[in-house]
Amino acid sequence: MIAGFDFGTTNSLVSVVVGDRVIDVVDEEGRPHPSVVRYEGEEVIVGREARNALEEVGLGVHGSTVRSPKFLLGQEVVSVGGVDRSPVDIVADVIRHVRTESLQSRQREVLGDLARAVVTIPVSMNGPRRRALRDACSQARISVAQFVHEPLAALYGYLRGGTDAESTIRGLMRQNVLVVDWGGGTLDLTLCRIEPGRILQLRNGGTDQVGGDRFDQVIRDEVVGRFSNSHCIADNDRPSREARLRLLQSTERNKIALSDRAEVTFYTPNYFPVSGTTLQYTLSRQEFDAIARPLVDQGIREIEALLDSVGMAPAQVSLCLVAGGMAAMPSIRRRMHELFGPGRVIVPANSSTLVSQGAAWIAHDAQRLVLAKQIELEMARGYRLPLLRAGTRMPIDGDSCEDSFHLFCTDPTDGVAKFSIVTPTQLTEQPQASDPRTSLGVIAIDVDETAPPLVERLELDIKIDEDLILSLSATSSQRQDKATASYFDLEFGIALPGSELKEDLDAGGAGISSPGGGLTIRANVADKADPAMVPGDVLYKHKRTAFARFGGPDQATQEQLTEHLYFQPCAVCKRKWGDPACRCASVA
């Protein structure tokens, strides 16, 4: 059996589908496992015990605690209590604990050996961090069957686990859905489109600057600052790191409590070690909202920026699905209602566990991600070569999707071949040449600037691996120069519950583009040795006979003639093309 696993910044949860219902594998207190690990000498304390120990121990205790270790992934090494540790090992300790506790829980009989899982990731998690997470899972004896973006998993879980899924899907057909996954570490956004038989990601976004952990830090620091000012606490009366971390834990509890209560009290004995002063401060919900307002505003701006990036107004979003632990915060719900209207904002009762449950349903239904938009290479003359077509099934379990392309350099004049990688901005089954494109990036390699056009051969290798990372490698034949690049910000699709996604979304279409204004890169690669692809000024330098009155089969095109003449001065006055002072053509 393949489980769903949400390794969260604040909490981690395993879910599994049995029959027609999803089961959350929680701890003895009926809650997800805290993503906290504490090192006491050789002893490793993880989960709720680590969190409780952090809250109960006195000042000066030996040992170190890591809260939210997910943020450490991608770093080579971190210092924990003066000891250098690998973030992969730290995360593996948490995952190992979650696996061990799950296999000893009341739900152990339905878990099997918990050896494989669909694992959710933030949309902003880059390639090195994804590989580090896979390594950590492997250390904990869990094989990652497939990574899935957290918002996409939440949407699938909402549609699959609903009481009237068919009616919900019919009501959203050909509509836009925004998933707002506001969790402890990140605000993850995914704008999706519900199409017949499939869910397609249109655009991803978000930030790690407004997660719940950030709220906790801001609230804690504000409370301490207000108390210190009112009680004249000296600047050198600073609490230890352990004390600050314990207060951060109680801040998280108070933040949650303020969703239902009018006020909470912060109470930490002997918080200030020099004076021995006890921190005691009552915080009302109104004060809390005022302190948190800048972070909430920043999150709303991220949502508006995502919609603006695809030219969409909030009124065009039919459903705003809010998931994650921060979904319960009243001020966040209120702002969502203001932006989209109360009728279009849904905060499910299971919002805090929806991501894990969605991953479990994806595993149960044996769903495979596919590429939502085709990946293209800008060619000379505006032609676009599809490198990977929409509908391409994404690799899992060590597989990869690869292809190679043999190209030509049409214009080696500046000694550089430029590979511009783009994808259609909008979702469309047959993208047209005039449709807007979003640039993924540009790769440049050195070529022989003295070579004639179409002589320098170029090789382009493209690959998507099991971590959903797009990697490209370009090589030139003469200079033997090589450049590589990788991109993780891709959009994916998944079949709707009860449907089968087509192998090919029939995406295609390429041709001569009509670029708009602005600065663009003139692509200088082609996939065939066609002289018509060569710029006129370059062709004239290497093959002047093509500009003769009767040039034969290689006669320059009208566009090439124009390009050639553009760089030629006036034969009479020697001024540049288009110079208004040149009136030679009007002289009788």
Protein backbone atom coordinates (compact mmCIF):
# COMPACT_ATOMS: atom_id res chain seq x y z
CA MET A 1 0.00 0.00 0.00
CA ILE A 2 1.21 3.52 -0.84
CA ALA A 3 0.40 6.14 1.79
CA GLY A 4 0.15 9.90 1.58
CA PHE A 5 2.74 11.83 3.57
CA ASP A 6 2.69 15.54 4.31
CA PHE A 7 6.07 16.43 5.83
CA GLY A 8 5.06 19.82 7.14
CA THR A 9 7.06 22.69 8.52
CA THR A 10 5.15 22.62 11.81
CA ASN A 11 3.50 19.18 11.82
CA SER A 12 3.82 15.97 9.81
CA LEU A 13 1.06 13.53 9.00
CA VAL A 14 0.61 10.18 7.27
CA SER A 15 -2.78 9.37 5.75
CA VAL A 16 -4.01 6.23 4.05
CA VAL A 17 -7.19 5.26 2.19
CA VAL A 18 -9.07 2.18 3.31
CA GLY A 19 -12.10 1.26 1.29
CA ASP A 20 -13.90 4.49 0.54
CA ARG A 21 -12.56 6.60 3.39
CA VAL A 22 -9.29 8.23 4.31
CA ILE A 23 -7.66 7.63 7.69
CA ASP A 24 -5.22 10.03 9.34
CA VAL A 25 -2.51 8.24 11.31
CA VAL A 26 -2.22 10.56 14.32
CA ASP A 27 -0.33 10.33 17.60
CA GLU A 28 -1.69 9.22 20.99
CA GLU A 29 -3.26 12.62 21.54
CA GLY A 30 -5.12 12.40 18.23
CA ARG A 31 -3.02 15.07 16.55
CA PRO A 32 -0.35 15.19 13.81
CA HIS A 33 3.28 14.72 14.83
CA PRO A 34 5.14 17.99 15.57
CA SER A 35 8.11 18.52 13.25
CA VAL A 36 10.47 19.12 16.17
CA VAL A 37 13.67 17.26 17.04
CA ARG A 38 15.83 17.66 20.11
CA TYR A 39 19.35 16.32 20.65
CA GLU A 40 20.38 15.46 24.20
CA GLY A 41 23.87 14.02 23.90
CA GLU A 42 23.45 10.76 22.01
CA GLU A 43 19.70 10.73 22.54
CA VAL A 44 17.36 11.94 19.81
CA ILE A 45 13.95 13.18 20.99
CA VAL A 46 11.39 13.82 18.25
CA GLY A 47 7.79 14.94 17.88
CA ARG A 48 5.48 15.80 20.76
CA GLU A 49 7.98 14.64 23.39
CA ALA A 50 10.52 17.09 22.01
CA ARG A 51 7.94 19.86 21.99
CA ASN A 52 6.79 19.08 25.53
CA ALA A 53 10.38 18.86 26.78
CA LEU A 54 11.05 22.25 25.26
CA GLU A 55 8.13 23.73 27.20
CA GLU A 56 8.86 22.02 30.52
CA VAL A 57 12.61 22.23 31.01
CA GLY A 58 14.21 25.03 32.93
CA LEU A 59 16.75 27.51 31.72
CA GLY A 60 20.32 26.39 31.13
CA VAL A 61 19.37 22.87 30.10
CA HIS A 62 21.93 21.17 27.91
CA GLY A 63 20.82 20.06 24.50
CA SER A 64 19.52 21.60 21.32
CA THR A 65 16.17 21.74 19.57
CA VAL A 66 15.38 22.18 15.89
CA ARG A 67 11.95 23.55 15.15
CA SER A 68 10.71 23.43 11.53
CA PRO A 69 13.72 21.49 10.11
CA LYS A 70 12.14 21.56 6.65
CA PHE A 71 13.62 25.04 6.16
CA LEU A 72 17.13 23.67 6.61
CA LEU A 73 16.97 21.41 3.55
CA GLY A 74 19.34 22.50 0.81
CA GLN A 75 22.07 23.61 3.20
CA GLU A 76 25.25 21.57 3.46
CA VAL A 77 25.54 21.67 7.25
CA VAL A 78 23.98 23.50 10.20
CA SER A 79 25.23 24.01 13.74
CA VAL A 80 22.87 22.60 16.36
CA GLY A 81 24.03 23.23 19.91
CA GLY A 82 27.60 23.60 18.72
CA VAL A 83 27.52 20.34 16.77
CA ASP A 84 27.62 20.35 12.96
CA ARG A 85 24.76 18.26 11.61
CA SER A 86 23.46 17.47 8.15
CA PRO A 87 19.96 18.85 7.50
CA VAL A 88 19.19 15.60 5.67
CA ASP A 89 19.98 13.65 8.84
CA ILE A 90 17.88 16.00 10.97
CA VAL A 91 14.87 15.68 8.66
CA ALA A 92 15.42 11.91 8.46
CA ASP A 93 15.16 11.76 12.27
CA VAL A 94 11.73 13.40 12.11
CA ILE A 95 10.48 11.21 9.26
CA ARG A 96 11.84 8.07 10.95
CA HIS A 97 9.95 9.00 14.11
CA VAL A 98 6.72 9.60 12.21
CA ARG A 99 7.08 6.24 10.46
CA THR A 100 7.90 4.35 13.67
CA GLU A 101 5.05 5.95 15.61
CA SER A 102 2.61 5.33 12.76
CA LEU A 103 3.54 1.64 12.61
CA GLN A 104 2.86 1.39 16.35
CA SER A 105 -0.42 3.30 16.24
CA ARG A 106 -3.96 1.98 16.32
CA GLN A 107 -4.05 2.29 12.52
CA ARG A 108 -0.96 0.10 11.99
CA GLU A 109 -2.98 -2.78 10.50
CA VAL A 110 -4.02 -0.69 7.48
CA LEU A 111 -0.58 0.79 6.86
CA GLY A 112 1.30 -2.26 5.70
CA ASP A 113 5.03 -1.69 6.01
CA LEU A 114 4.78 2.04 5.13
CA ALA A 115 7.63 1.67 2.66
CA ARG A 116 6.29 3.96 -0.12
CA ALA A 117 4.45 7.24 -0.08
CA VAL A 118 3.23 10.07 -2.24
CA VAL A 119 5.03 12.98 -0.59
CA THR A 120 3.80 16.56 -0.82
CA ILE A 121 6.13 19.53 -1.35
CA PRO A 122 5.74 23.32 -1.45
CA VAL A 123 5.61 24.75 -4.97
CA SER A 124 8.70 26.86 -4.13
CA MET A 125 10.87 23.89 -3.11
CA ASN A 126 13.79 23.86 -5.55
CA GLY A 127 15.72 20.94 -6.98
CA PRO A 128 18.45 20.55 -4.32
CA ARG A 129 15.85 20.71 -1.54
CA ARG A 130 13.67 18.11 -3.24
CA ARG A 131 16.61 15.77 -3.65
CA ALA A 132 17.54 16.32 0.00
CA LEU A 133 13.99 15.46 1.08
CA ARG A 134 14.08 12.29 -1.04
CA ASP A 135 17.39 11.31 0.58
CA ALA A 136 15.94 11.93 4.05
CA CYS A 137 12.90 9.77 3.27
CA SER A 138 15.21 7.05 1.99
CA GLN A 139 17.21 7.14 5.23
CA ALA A 140 13.94 6.70 7.12
CA ARG A 141 13.07 3.69 4.88
CA ILE A 142 10.30 5.44 2.96
CA SER A 143 10.56 5.46 -0.83
CA VAL A 144 9.07 8.51 -2.53
CA ALA A 145 6.73 7.17 -5.19
CA GLN A 146 5.91 10.66 -6.44
CA PHE A 147 6.20 14.27 -5.34
CA VAL A 148 3.01 16.38 -5.56
CA HIS A 149 2.61 20.09 -4.94
CA GLU A 150 0.80 20.66 -1.67
CA PRO A 151 -2.01 22.86 -3.09
CA LEU A 152 -2.69 20.38 -5.90
CA ALA A 153 -2.93 17.56 -3.34
CA ALA A 154 -5.33 19.66 -1.26
CA LEU A 155 -7.60 20.29 -4.26
CA TYR A 156 -7.61 16.62 -5.24
CA GLY A 157 -8.41 15.66 -1.64
CA TYR A 158 -11.26 18.18 -1.53
CA LEU A 159 -12.80 16.89 -4.75
CA ARG A 160 -12.19 13.21 -4.02
CA GLY A 161 -13.26 13.14 -0.40
CA GLY A 162 -16.38 15.28 -0.67
CA THR A 163 -19.83 13.92 0.07
CA ASP A 164 -21.10 14.84 -3.40
CA ALA A 165 -17.94 14.86 -5.49
CA GLU A 166 -19.67 14.48 -8.87
CA SER A 167 -21.93 17.48 -8.28
CA THR A 168 -19.00 19.58 -7.07
CA ILE A 169 -16.92 18.72 -10.13
CA ARG A 170 -19.81 19.48 -12.49
CA GLY A 171 -20.26 22.88 -10.87
CA LEU A 172 -16.57 23.70 -11.35
CA MET A 173 -16.24 22.40 -14.91
CA ARG A 174 -14.20 24.81 -17.07
CA GLN A 175 -13.88 27.12 -14.07
CA ASN A 176 -10.85 28.56 -12.30
CA VAL A 177 -9.98 27.39 -8.79
CA LEU A 178 -7.43 29.06 -6.54
CA VAL A 179 -5.92 26.90 -3.80
CA VAL A 180 -4.47 28.87 -0.88
CA ASP A 181 -2.40 26.57 1.34
CA TRP A 182 -1.41 28.82 4.23
CA GLY A 183 0.69 26.64 6.49
CA GLY A 184 3.27 26.96 9.21
CA GLY A 185 6.23 27.47 6.87
CA THR A 186 4.92 28.75 3.56
CA LEU A 187 2.02 30.35 1.79
CA ASP A 188 1.58 28.12 -1.25
CA LEU A 189 -0.66 29.20 -4.11
CA THR A 190 -1.85 27.27 -7.13
CA LEU A 191 -4.29 28.59 -9.71
CA CYS A 192 -5.98 25.62 -11.40
CA ARG A 193 -8.41 25.06 -14.21
CA ILE A 194 -10.95 22.25 -14.09
CA GLU A 195 -11.26 20.73 -17.56
CA PRO A 196 -13.16 17.61 -18.70
CA GLY A 197 -11.37 14.69 -17.10
CA ARG A 198 -8.51 16.65 -15.60
CA ILE A 199 -7.20 19.30 -13.22
CA LEU A 200 -4.52 21.54 -14.71
CA GLN A 201 -2.24 23.96 -12.92
CA LEU A 202 -2.25 27.36 -14.59
CA ARG A 203 0.24 29.18 -12.37
CA ASN A 204 2.03 28.56 -9.06
CA GLY A 205 3.21 31.12 -6.56
CA GLY A 206 3.61 31.95 -2.91
CA THR A 207 6.24 32.88 -0.36
CA ASP A 208 7.98 31.57 2.74
CA GLN A 209 7.84 34.98 4.43
CA VAL A 210 4.28 34.81 5.82
CA GLY A 211 3.94 31.25 7.12
CA GLY A 212 2.56 30.53 10.57
CA ASP A 213 6.05 30.34 12.05
CA ARG A 214 6.68 33.89 10.93
CA PHE A 215 3.45 35.01 12.64
CA ASP A 216 4.64 33.31 15.85
CA GLN A 217 7.97 35.15 15.77
CA VAL A 218 6.39 38.54 15.14
CA ILE A 219 3.78 38.09 17.87
CA ARG A 220 6.36 36.82 20.38
CA ASP A 221 8.76 39.69 19.73
CA GLU A 222 5.97 42.27 19.96
CA VAL A 223 4.70 40.86 23.25
CA VAL A 224 8.21 40.81 24.71
CA GLY A 225 8.85 44.33 23.45
CA ARG A 226 5.66 45.74 24.94
CA PHE A 227 6.23 44.00 28.26
CA SER A 228 9.87 45.13 28.40
CA ASN A 229 8.92 48.76 27.75
CA SER A 230 6.20 48.78 30.38
CA HIS A 231 8.39 47.10 33.02
CA CYS A 232 11.68 48.87 32.16
CA ILE A 233 13.58 45.68 31.39
CA ALA A 234 17.27 46.43 30.76
CA ASP A 235 18.72 45.77 27.32
CA ASN A 236 21.25 43.32 28.72
CA ASP A 237 18.54 41.27 30.47
CA ARG A 238 18.18 38.90 27.56
CA PRO A 239 16.57 35.45 27.76
CA SER A 240 18.40 32.37 26.55
CA ARG A 241 17.74 30.79 23.18
CA GLU A 242 15.94 27.94 24.95
CA ALA A 243 13.64 30.38 26.74
CA ARG A 244 12.86 32.24 23.54
CA LEU A 245 12.09 28.96 21.79
CA ARG A 246 9.79 27.88 24.62
CA LEU A 247 7.96 31.19 24.40
CA LEU A 248 7.64 30.67 20.66
CA GLN A 249 5.87 27.36 21.34
CA SER A 250 3.40 29.01 23.72
CA THR A 251 2.88 31.81 21.18
CA GLU A 252 1.76 29.22 18.65
CA ARG A 253 -0.77 27.83 21.16
CA ASN A 254 -2.06 31.30 21.97
CA LYS A 255 -2.36 32.15 18.27
CA ILE A 256 -4.57 29.11 17.77
CA ALA A 257 -6.58 29.88 20.91
CA LEU A 258 -7.34 33.41 19.68
CA SER A 259 -9.37 31.91 16.84
CA ASP A 260 -12.07 31.15 19.44
CA ARG A 261 -11.27 33.42 22.37
CA ALA A 262 -11.29 37.18 22.92
CA GLU A 263 -7.93 37.23 24.70
CA VAL A 264 -5.04 35.07 25.90
CA THR A 265 -2.36 35.45 28.56
CA PHE A 266 1.36 34.91 28.01
CA TYR A 267 2.98 33.63 31.20
CA THR A 268 6.63 32.52 31.46
CA PRO A 269 8.28 32.48 34.93
CA ASN A 270 11.79 33.99 35.18
CA TYR A 271 11.86 34.79 31.48
CA PHE A 272 14.41 37.57 32.01
CA PRO A 273 17.42 35.86 33.69
CA VAL A 274 19.25 38.91 35.10
CA SER A 275 16.31 40.40 36.97
CA GLY A 276 14.38 37.14 37.35
CA THR A 277 11.27 38.91 36.06
CA THR A 278 8.32 36.78 35.00
CA LEU A 279 6.79 37.58 31.62
CA GLN A 280 3.04 38.06 31.96
CA TYR A 281 1.04 39.83 29.26
CA THR A 282 -2.61 39.68 28.18
CA LEU A 283 -3.14 39.97 24.42
CA SER A 284 -6.58 40.64 22.94
CA ARG A 285 -7.72 39.47 19.54
CA GLN A 286 -7.88 43.09 18.36
CA GLU A 287 -4.25 43.62 19.36
CA PHE A 288 -3.29 40.34 17.72
CA ASP A 289 -5.00 41.33 14.46
CA ALA A 290 -3.23 44.69 14.46
CA ILE A 291 0.18 43.06 14.98
CA ALA A 292 -0.47 40.41 12.34
CA ARG A 293 -2.01 42.77 9.77
CA PRO A 294 1.22 43.49 7.84
CA LEU A 295 1.82 39.76 7.35
CA VAL A 296 -1.78 39.14 6.30
CA ASP A 297 -1.57 42.07 3.88
CA GLN A 298 1.64 40.66 2.41
CA GLY A 299 -0.05 37.30 1.87
CA ILE A 300 -3.01 38.94 0.13
CA ARG A 301 -0.61 40.85 -2.12
CA GLU A 302 0.96 37.52 -3.13
CA ILE A 303 -2.48 36.25 -4.13
CA GLU A 304 -3.23 39.39 -6.13
CA ALA A 305 0.18 39.22 -7.83
CA LEU A 306 -0.46 35.61 -8.88
CA LEU A 307 -3.77 36.55 -10.47
CA ASP A 308 -2.22 39.60 -12.15
CA SER A 309 0.51 37.42 -13.68
CA VAL A 310 -2.10 35.66 -15.82
CA GLY A 311 -4.34 38.70 -16.31
CA MET A 312 -7.13 37.35 -14.12
CA ALA A 313 -9.42 39.29 -11.79
CA PRO A 314 -10.66 37.85 -8.48
CA ALA A 315 -14.17 37.71 -9.96
CA GLN A 316 -12.93 35.10 -12.47
CA VAL A 317 -12.08 32.67 -9.66
CA SER A 318 -15.09 30.43 -9.05
CA LEU A 319 -13.69 28.79 -5.93
CA CYS A 320 -11.01 29.76 -3.45
CA LEU A 321 -10.09 26.67 -1.44
CA VAL A 322 -8.21 27.52 1.75
CA ALA A 323 -6.12 24.82 3.43
CA GLY A 324 -3.36 24.71 6.02
CA GLY A 325 -3.18 25.49 9.72
CA MET A 326 -3.51 29.26 9.21
CA ALA A 327 -6.91 28.82 7.54
CA ALA A 328 -8.55 28.98 10.97
CA MET A 329 -7.26 32.50 11.65
CA PRO A 330 -10.28 34.86 11.56
CA SER A 331 -8.43 37.83 10.03
CA ILE A 332 -7.20 35.68 7.13
CA ARG A 333 -10.70 34.35 6.45
CA ARG A 334 -12.06 37.89 6.58
CA ARG A 335 -9.58 39.15 3.99
CA MET A 336 -10.33 36.20 1.73
CA HIS A 337 -14.04 37.01 1.93
CA GLU A 338 -13.33 40.62 1.04
CA LEU A 339 -11.29 39.60 -2.01
CA PHE A 340 -13.43 36.81 -3.45
CA GLY A 341 -16.78 37.05 -1.64
CA PRO A 342 -17.93 34.74 1.16
CA GLY A 343 -19.80 32.43 -1.19
CA ARG A 344 -16.68 31.49 -3.16
CA VAL A 345 -14.31 30.92 -0.24
CA ILE A 346 -14.33 27.39 1.18
CA VAL A 347 -12.43 26.47 4.34
CA PRO A 348 -13.11 22.73 4.83
CA ALA A 349 -13.41 21.33 8.33
CA ASN A 350 -10.37 19.16 7.54
CA SER A 351 -8.32 22.06 6.15
CA SER A 352 -5.31 21.30 8.38
CA THR A 353 -5.11 17.66 7.18
CA LEU A 354 -6.37 18.12 3.62
CA VAL A 355 -2.91 18.04 2.01
CA SER A 356 -2.01 14.67 3.52
CA GLN A 357 -5.43 13.27 2.71
CA GLY A 358 -5.16 14.44 -0.89
CA ALA A 359 -1.81 12.69 -1.22
CA ALA A 360 -3.39 9.51 0.16
CA TRP A 361 -6.20 9.66 -2.40
CA ILE A 362 -3.69 10.24 -5.21
CA ALA A 363 -1.76 7.17 -4.04
CA HIS A 364 -4.93 5.10 -3.72
CA ASP A 365 -6.15 6.08 -7.19
CA ALA A 366 -2.69 5.40 -8.71
CA GLN A 367 -2.71 8.86 -10.25
CA ARG A 368 0.28 10.06 -12.28
CA LEU A 369 1.13 13.67 -12.83
CA VAL A 370 1.40 14.94 -16.40
CA LEU A 371 2.90 18.10 -17.83
CA ALA A 372 0.20 20.79 -18.06
CA LYS A 373 1.98 23.01 -20.61
CA GLN A 374 4.41 22.08 -23.31
CA ILE A 375 8.04 23.13 -23.04
CA GLU A 376 9.31 24.92 -26.17
CA LEU A 377 12.55 26.20 -27.67
CA GLU A 378 12.52 29.55 -29.44
CA MET A 379 13.96 29.07 -32.93
CA ALA A 380 15.13 31.47 -35.62
CA ARG A 381 12.35 33.36 -37.42
CA GLY A 382 10.02 32.99 -34.43
CA TYR A 383 9.40 29.30 -34.92
CA ARG A 384 8.99 27.30 -31.69
CA LEU A 385 10.13 23.74 -31.38
CA PRO A 386 8.18 21.62 -28.83
CA LEU A 387 10.68 19.89 -26.56
CA LEU A 388 8.18 18.21 -24.23
CA ARG A 389 4.51 18.15 -25.09
CA ALA A 390 1.68 18.80 -22.67
CA GLY A 391 0.31 15.53 -21.37
CA THR A 392 3.75 13.94 -21.01
CA ARG A 393 3.57 11.54 -18.07
CA MET A 394 5.93 12.51 -15.28
CA PRO A 395 8.52 9.95 -14.14
CA ILE A 396 8.36 8.18 -10.79
CA ASP A 397 10.62 5.88 -8.76
CA GLY A 398 13.95 6.63 -10.35
CA ASP A 399 12.73 6.99 -13.93
CA SER A 400 13.25 10.03 -16.12
CA CYS A 401 11.78 11.53 -19.28
CA GLU A 402 14.55 12.39 -21.75
CA ASP A 403 15.06 13.53 -25.34
CA SER A 404 17.84 14.93 -27.54
CA PHE A 405 17.72 17.50 -30.34
CA HIS A 406 20.25 18.12 -33.13
CA LEU A 407 20.27 21.80 -34.10
CA PHE A 408 22.16 24.31 -36.26
CA CYS A 409 23.44 27.80 -35.54
CA THR A 410 21.96 30.22 -38.08
CA ASP A 411 23.96 33.24 -36.95
CA PRO A 412 27.34 32.64 -35.26
CA THR A 413 28.40 36.30 -35.71
CA ASP A 414 28.62 37.14 -32.00
CA GLY A 415 30.15 33.78 -31.10
CA VAL A 416 27.25 32.71 -28.92
CA ALA A 417 24.29 30.39 -29.51
CA LYS A 418 21.27 31.23 -27.40
CA PHE A 419 18.66 28.69 -26.33
CA SER A 420 15.54 30.44 -25.05
CA ILE A 421 13.22 28.02 -23.20
CA VAL A 422 9.57 29.07 -22.97
CA THR A 423 6.16 27.70 -22.12
CA PRO A 424 2.67 29.00 -23.05
CA THR A 425 1.38 31.43 -20.45
CA GLN A 426 -2.22 30.27 -20.75
CA LEU A 427 -3.65 26.77 -20.74
CA THR A 428 -4.61 25.77 -24.25
CA GLU A 429 -4.69 22.45 -26.04
CA GLN A 430 -3.30 23.98 -29.24
CA PRO A 431 -1.12 26.99 -28.42
CA GLN A 432 -0.83 29.37 -31.35
CA ALA A 433 2.24 31.28 -32.45
CA SER A 434 0.69 34.55 -31.29
CA ASP A 435 -0.18 33.24 -27.82
CA PRO A 436 1.92 34.80 -25.04
CA ARG A 437 4.79 32.77 -23.65
CA THR A 438 6.48 32.71 -20.26
CA SER A 439 10.25 32.42 -20.27
CA LEU A 440 11.78 29.68 -18.15
CA GLY A 441 15.31 30.83 -18.91
CA VAL A 442 18.07 31.19 -21.49
CA ILE A 443 21.13 28.98 -22.02
CA ALA A 444 24.13 30.40 -23.92
CA ILE A 445 27.15 28.52 -25.27
CA ASP A 446 30.16 29.64 -27.28
CA VAL A 447 30.30 28.88 -31.01
CA ASP A 448 32.83 29.59 -33.74
CA GLU A 449 32.09 33.16 -34.87
CA THR A 450 34.02 32.60 -38.11
CA ALA A 451 31.89 29.63 -39.14
CA PRO A 452 29.37 30.09 -41.97
CA PRO A 453 25.69 29.89 -41.01
CA LEU A 454 24.27 26.40 -40.48
CA VAL A 455 27.73 24.82 -40.18
CA GLU A 456 28.08 24.84 -36.39
CA ARG A 457 26.14 21.89 -34.99
CA LEU A 458 24.43 22.17 -31.62
CA GLU A 459 23.23 19.41 -29.33
CA LEU A 460 20.47 19.94 -26.77
CA ASP A 461 19.60 17.27 -24.21
CA ILE A 462 16.47 17.67 -22.11
CA LYS A 463 15.35 15.69 -19.09
CA ILE A 464 12.70 15.69 -16.38
CA ASP A 465 13.63 13.52 -13.42
CA GLU A 466 11.67 11.88 -10.60
CA ASP A 467 11.93 15.09 -8.57
CA LEU A 468 10.00 16.95 -11.30
CA ILE A 469 13.08 19.00 -12.19
CA LEU A 470 13.60 20.06 -15.81
CA SER A 471 17.31 19.88 -16.76
CA LEU A 472 18.86 20.99 -20.04
CA SER A 473 22.37 20.56 -21.43
CA ALA A 474 23.62 22.31 -24.59
CA THR A 475 26.86 21.62 -26.46
CA SER A 476 28.51 23.19 -29.53
CA SER A 477 30.40 21.00 -32.03
CA GLN A 478 33.33 23.29 -32.90
CA ARG A 479 34.06 25.08 -29.64
CA GLN A 480 32.95 22.10 -27.56
CA ASP A 481 31.44 24.53 -25.10
CA LYS A 482 28.81 23.19 -22.73
CA ALA A 483 26.21 24.80 -20.49
CA THR A 484 23.52 23.36 -18.25
CA ALA A 485 20.45 24.73 -16.52
CA SER A 486 17.61 23.37 -14.42
CA TYR A 487 14.11 24.65 -13.64
CA PHE A 488 11.62 23.52 -11.01
CA ASP A 489 8.74 25.97 -11.50
CA LEU A 490 6.64 23.79 -13.79
CA GLU A 491 2.89 23.27 -13.94
CA PHE A 492 1.29 19.82 -13.86
CA GLY A 493 -2.03 18.15 -14.42
CA ILE A 494 -3.80 15.22 -12.85
CA ALA A 495 -6.92 13.27 -13.76
CA LEU A 496 -10.13 14.19 -12.04
CA PRO A 497 -11.41 11.56 -9.62
CA GLY A 498 -13.12 8.85 -11.66
CA SER A 499 -11.59 10.01 -14.96
CA GLU A 500 -8.65 9.00 -17.10
CA LEU A 501 -6.33 11.72 -18.30
CA LYS A 502 -5.34 11.37 -21.93
CA GLU A 503 -1.72 10.45 -22.64
CA ASP A 504 -1.46 13.46 -24.94
CA LEU A 505 -3.39 16.66 -24.42
CA ASP A 506 -3.13 17.32 -28.16
CA ALA A 507 -0.99 20.34 -27.49
CA GLY A 508 1.01 21.57 -30.41
CA GLY A 509 1.10 24.34 -32.90
CA ALA A 510 4.12 26.33 -33.79
CA GLY A 511 4.78 28.82 -36.46
CA ILE A 512 5.89 32.30 -37.28
CA SER A 513 5.22 34.53 -34.31
CA SER A 514 4.20 38.14 -34.28
CA PRO A 515 6.13 39.45 -31.30
CA GLY A 516 4.93 42.49 -29.48
CA GLY A 517 7.03 45.40 -28.33
CA GLY A 518 9.88 45.28 -25.88
CA LEU A 519 13.38 43.86 -25.87
CA THR A 520 13.67 40.28 -27.05
CA ILE A 521 16.46 37.82 -27.67
CA ARG A 522 16.94 36.91 -31.32
CA ALA A 523 17.11 33.13 -31.30
CA ASN A 524 19.85 31.81 -33.55
CA VAL A 525 19.28 28.06 -33.58
CA ALA A 526 17.33 25.91 -36.02
CA ASP A 527 16.43 22.26 -36.30
CA LYS A 528 17.10 22.03 -40.06
CA ALA A 529 19.67 23.40 -42.50
CA ASP A 530 17.32 25.91 -44.13
CA PRO A 531 19.03 29.07 -45.55
CA ALA A 532 15.77 30.96 -45.00
CA MET A 533 16.46 30.80 -41.26
CA VAL A 534 19.68 32.83 -41.62
CA PRO A 535 19.48 36.62 -40.96
CA GLY A 536 19.92 38.60 -44.20
CA ASP A 537 22.98 40.51 -43.02
CA VAL A 538 24.71 37.25 -42.05
CA LEU A 539 23.70 35.46 -45.26
CA TYR A 540 25.11 38.31 -47.38
CA LYS A 541 28.46 38.04 -45.61
CA HIS A 542 28.78 34.33 -46.39
CA LYS A 543 26.80 33.89 -49.63
CA ARG A 544 26.40 37.05 -51.70
CA THR A 545 25.13 35.12 -54.71
CA ALA A 546 21.84 34.65 -52.84
CA PHE A 547 21.23 38.40 -53.33
CA ALA A 548 21.82 38.36 -57.07
CA ARG A 549 18.85 39.11 -59.29
CA PHE A 550 18.64 35.46 -60.21
CA GLY A 551 19.94 33.66 -57.14
CA GLY A 552 18.61 30.25 -58.04
CA PRO A 553 17.16 27.90 -55.41
CA ASP A 554 19.00 29.71 -52.62
CA GLN A 555 17.57 33.13 -53.57
CA ALA A 556 17.27 35.36 -50.48
CA THR A 557 13.74 35.93 -49.21
CA GLN A 558 12.21 39.40 -49.09
CA GLU A 559 12.71 39.40 -45.31
CA GLN A 560 16.40 38.61 -45.76
CA LEU A 561 16.73 41.37 -48.37
CA THR A 562 15.21 43.84 -45.90
CA GLU A 563 17.53 42.69 -43.12
CA HIS A 564 20.56 43.03 -45.41
CA LEU A 565 19.60 46.53 -46.60
CA TYR A 566 18.89 47.67 -43.05
CA PHE A 567 22.58 47.43 -42.19
CA GLN A 568 23.75 49.06 -45.45
CA PRO A 569 24.30 52.85 -45.57
CA CYS A 570 22.69 54.97 -48.25
CA ALA A 571 24.71 54.66 -51.48
CA VAL A 572 24.51 58.45 -51.97
CA CYS A 573 24.78 60.18 -48.58
CA LYS A 574 26.10 57.22 -46.54
CA ARG A 575 23.58 57.82 -43.75
CA LYS A 576 22.07 54.88 -41.81
CA TRP A 577 18.83 53.21 -42.74
CA GLY A 578 15.81 55.27 -41.66
CA ASP A 579 17.75 58.47 -40.99
CA PRO A 580 15.20 61.28 -41.61
CA ALA A 581 18.03 63.46 -43.03
CA CYS A 582 18.42 61.01 -45.91
CA ARG A 583 16.23 62.30 -48.74
CA CYS A 584 18.18 60.76 -51.59
CA ALA A 585 15.33 58.53 -52.74
CA SER A 586 13.15 61.64 -53.31
CA VAL A 587 15.73 63.43 -55.40
CA ALA A 588 14.62 63.58 -59.04
